[in-house]
Amino acid sequence: EYAGLDSIFWALYHDEKEIGVTAHFLEEELDSGDILLQKIFPIKRSDDIGSLTQLANREGAGLMIESVDLLEKGDFHGQKQKQSQRSYFSWPTPKQRRALDNRLKRRRVENVA
């Protein structure tokens, strides 16, 4: 759903309940190619940009390996992306970053209490 830059930031900023990683074909338009594989993960109250980035990197690397295996076997069926269900965001502003940082700090305090 979050095409473009800093998708994990935007998922947290918009208080989403899950994030996903996607392996897709490359096209001229950013993040628009047919999907090979996807995985969705819940966002836990303890998550932040760092923990979700580690998760996305680890799982994304796994999807890349799976995708290469599928392509080598010729056993793949790309699925068209639903353009109407995605949003494109650029880099967050410093104000947006501060707002998210403050919200995540409050959440950490609530989790400890």
C-alpha atoms as a PDB file:
ATOM      1  CA  GLU A   1       0.000   0.000   0.000  1.00  0.00           C
ATOM      2  CA  TYR A   2       2.916   2.367   0.633  1.00  0.00           C
ATOM      3  CA  ALA A   3       4.866   2.778  -2.572  1.00  0.00           C
ATOM      4  CA  GLY A   4       7.783   5.141  -2.780  1.00  0.00           C
ATOM      5  CA  LEU A   5      10.160   6.308  -0.116  1.00  0.00           C
ATOM      6  CA  ASP A   6      10.374   5.411   3.568  1.00  0.00           C
ATOM      7  CA  SER A   7       7.330   3.130   3.542  1.00  0.00           C
ATOM      8  CA  ILE A   8       7.905   1.893   7.093  1.00  0.00           C
ATOM      9  CA  PHE A   9       7.872   5.455   8.391  1.00  0.00           C
ATOM     10  CA  TRP A  10       4.582   6.127   6.606  1.00  0.00           C
ATOM     11  CA  ALA A  11       2.945   2.937   7.867  1.00  0.00           C
ATOM     12  CA  LEU A  12       3.835   3.903  11.446  1.00  0.00           C
ATOM     13  CA  TYR A  13       2.901   7.544  10.881  1.00  0.00           C
ATOM     14  CA  HIS A  14      -0.552   6.511   9.653  1.00  0.00           C
ATOM     15  CA  ASP A  15      -0.917   4.080  12.572  1.00  0.00           C
ATOM     16  CA  GLU A  16      -1.260   0.991  10.390  1.00  0.00           C
ATOM     17  CA  LYS A  17      -1.666  -2.386  12.062  1.00  0.00           C
ATOM     18  CA  GLU A  18       0.629  -4.262   9.669  1.00  0.00           C
ATOM     19  CA  ILE A  19       3.450  -3.843   7.178  1.00  0.00           C
ATOM     20  CA  GLY A  20       4.391  -5.899   4.180  1.00  0.00           C
ATOM     21  CA  VAL A  21       7.362  -6.718   2.019  1.00  0.00           C
ATOM     22  CA  THR A  22       6.977  -7.338  -1.686  1.00  0.00           C
ATOM     23  CA  ALA A  23       9.168  -8.837  -4.392  1.00  0.00           C
ATOM     24  CA  HIS A  24       8.054  -7.469  -7.757  1.00  0.00           C
ATOM     25  CA  PHE A  25       9.289  -6.992 -11.282  1.00  0.00           C
ATOM     26  CA  LEU A  26      10.944  -3.690 -12.076  1.00  0.00           C
ATOM     27  CA  GLU A  27       9.101  -1.248 -14.282  1.00  0.00           C
ATOM     28  CA  GLU A  28       9.861   2.307 -15.311  1.00  0.00           C
ATOM     29  CA  GLU A  29       7.355   3.704 -12.797  1.00  0.00           C
ATOM     30  CA  LEU A  30       8.509   3.361  -9.185  1.00  0.00           C
ATOM     31  CA  ASP A  31       7.200   0.264  -7.361  1.00  0.00           C
ATOM     32  CA  SER A  32       4.720  -0.603 -10.107  1.00  0.00           C
ATOM     33  CA  GLY A  33       5.817  -3.998 -11.465  1.00  0.00           C
ATOM     34  CA  ASP A  34       3.850  -7.229 -11.198  1.00  0.00           C
ATOM     35  CA  ILE A  35       4.112  -8.869  -7.776  1.00  0.00           C
ATOM     36  CA  LEU A  36       5.952 -12.169  -7.418  1.00  0.00           C
ATOM     37  CA  LEU A  37       5.713 -12.680  -3.650  1.00  0.00           C
ATOM     38  CA  GLN A  38       4.466 -10.791  -0.598  1.00  0.00           C
ATOM     39  CA  LYS A  39       4.492 -11.260   3.145  1.00  0.00           C
ATOM     40  CA  ILE A  40       2.494  -9.295   5.706  1.00  0.00           C
ATOM     41  CA  PHE A  41       3.470  -8.811   9.352  1.00  0.00           C
ATOM     42  CA  PRO A  42       1.606  -7.290  12.290  1.00  0.00           C
ATOM     43  CA  ILE A  43       3.021  -4.134  13.849  1.00  0.00           C
ATOM     44  CA  LYS A  44       3.479  -4.682  17.568  1.00  0.00           C
ATOM     45  CA  ARG A  45       3.142  -1.852  20.084  1.00  0.00           C
ATOM     46  CA  SER A  46       6.838  -2.287  20.868  1.00  0.00           C
ATOM     47  CA  ASP A  47       7.902  -1.841  17.225  1.00  0.00           C
ATOM     48  CA  ASP A  48       9.640   1.220  15.900  1.00  0.00           C
ATOM     49  CA  ILE A  49      11.299   2.156  12.620  1.00  0.00           C
ATOM     50  CA  GLY A  50      14.451   0.238  13.558  1.00  0.00           C
ATOM     51  CA  SER A  51      12.755  -3.033  14.496  1.00  0.00           C
ATOM     52  CA  LEU A  52      10.461  -2.939  11.474  1.00  0.00           C
ATOM     53  CA  THR A  53      13.340  -2.073   9.138  1.00  0.00           C
ATOM     54  CA  GLN A  54      15.279  -5.104  10.414  1.00  0.00           C
ATOM     55  CA  LEU A  55      12.224  -7.302   9.907  1.00  0.00           C
ATOM     56  CA  ALA A  56      11.567  -5.937   6.405  1.00  0.00           C
ATOM     57  CA  ASN A  57      15.222  -6.302   5.377  1.00  0.00           C
ATOM     58  CA  ARG A  58      15.448  -9.884   6.637  1.00  0.00           C
ATOM     59  CA  GLU A  59      12.135 -10.968   5.138  1.00  0.00           C
ATOM     60  CA  GLY A  60      12.710  -8.992   1.934  1.00  0.00           C
ATOM     61  CA  ALA A  61      16.037 -10.766   1.405  1.00  0.00           C
ATOM     62  CA  GLY A  62      14.257 -14.087   1.853  1.00  0.00           C
ATOM     63  CA  LEU A  63      11.640 -13.080  -0.716  1.00  0.00           C
ATOM     64  CA  MET A  64      14.380 -12.168  -3.181  1.00  0.00           C
ATOM     65  CA  ILE A  65      15.941 -15.612  -2.826  1.00  0.00           C
ATOM     66  CA  GLU A  66      12.535 -17.295  -3.208  1.00  0.00           C
ATOM     67  CA  SER A  67      11.808 -15.131  -6.258  1.00  0.00           C
ATOM     68  CA  VAL A  68      15.070 -16.067  -7.963  1.00  0.00           C
ATOM     69  CA  ASP A  69      14.294 -19.750  -7.334  1.00  0.00           C
ATOM     70  CA  LEU A  70      10.824 -19.336  -8.855  1.00  0.00           C
ATOM     71  CA  LEU A  71      12.215 -17.493 -11.867  1.00  0.00           C
ATOM     72  CA  GLU A  72      14.892 -20.134 -12.436  1.00  0.00           C
ATOM     73  CA  LYS A  73      12.234 -22.857 -12.382  1.00  0.00           C
ATOM     74  CA  GLY A  74       9.907 -20.826 -14.602  1.00  0.00           C
ATOM     75  CA  ASP A  75       7.294 -21.361 -11.881  1.00  0.00           C
ATOM     76  CA  PHE A  76       5.968 -17.873 -11.320  1.00  0.00           C
ATOM     77  CA  HIS A  77       2.872 -15.896 -12.066  1.00  0.00           C
ATOM     78  CA  GLY A  78       3.187 -12.165 -11.583  1.00  0.00           C
ATOM     79  CA  GLN A  79       0.119 -10.515 -10.116  1.00  0.00           C
ATOM     80  CA  LYS A  80      -0.854  -7.016 -11.233  1.00  0.00           C
ATOM     81  CA  GLN A  81      -0.672  -4.411  -8.515  1.00  0.00           C
ATOM     82  CA  LYS A  82      -3.897  -2.698  -7.602  1.00  0.00           C
ATOM     83  CA  GLN A  83      -2.858   0.874  -8.270  1.00  0.00           C
ATOM     84  CA  SER A  84      -6.016   2.221  -6.653  1.00  0.00           C
ATOM     85  CA  GLN A  85      -5.052   0.603  -3.329  1.00  0.00           C
ATOM     86  CA  ARG A  86      -1.630   2.157  -2.986  1.00  0.00           C
ATOM     87  CA  SER A  87      -0.347   5.504  -1.886  1.00  0.00           C
ATOM     88  CA  TYR A  88       2.895   7.174  -2.863  1.00  0.00           C
ATOM     89  CA  PHE A  89       4.822   9.193  -0.332  1.00  0.00           C
ATOM     90  CA  SER A  90       8.120  11.023  -0.546  1.00  0.00           C
ATOM     91  CA  TRP A  91      10.512  11.774   2.299  1.00  0.00           C
ATOM     92  CA  PRO A  92       8.848  12.839   5.553  1.00  0.00           C
ATOM     93  CA  THR A  93       9.378  16.395   6.730  1.00  0.00           C
ATOM     94  CA  PRO A  94      11.303  17.071   9.951  1.00  0.00           C
ATOM     95  CA  LYS A  95       7.980  18.008  11.584  1.00  0.00           C
ATOM     96  CA  GLN A  96       6.440  14.654  10.581  1.00  0.00           C
ATOM     97  CA  ARG A  97       9.505  12.789  11.884  1.00  0.00           C
ATOM     98  CA  ARG A  98       9.273  14.605  15.243  1.00  0.00           C
ATOM     99  CA  ALA A  99       5.555  13.835  15.496  1.00  0.00           C
ATOM    100  CA  LEU A 100       6.158  10.124  14.937  1.00  0.00           C
ATOM    101  CA  ASP A 101       9.141  10.066  17.311  1.00  0.00           C
ATOM    102  CA  ASN A 102       7.011  11.664  20.031  1.00  0.00           C
ATOM    103  CA  ARG A 103       4.162   9.192  19.496  1.00  0.00           C
ATOM    104  CA  LEU A 104       6.536   6.207  19.614  1.00  0.00           C
ATOM    105  CA  LYS A 105       8.176   7.560  22.791  1.00  0.00           C
ATOM    106  CA  ARG A 106       4.761   7.867  24.453  1.00  0.00           C
ATOM    107  CA  ARG A 107       3.936   4.322  23.363  1.00  0.00           C
ATOM    108  CA  ARG A 108       7.192   2.998  24.875  1.00  0.00           C
ATOM    109  CA  VAL A 109       6.402   4.744  28.174  1.00  0.00           C
ATOM    110  CA  GLU A 110       2.883   3.247  28.164  1.00  0.00           C
ATOM    111  CA  ASN A 111       4.337  -0.223  27.511  1.00  0.00           C
ATOM    112  CA  VAL A 112       6.661   0.105  30.523  1.00  0.00           C
ATOM    113  CA  ALA A 113       3.991   1.440  32.874  1.00  0.00           C
END
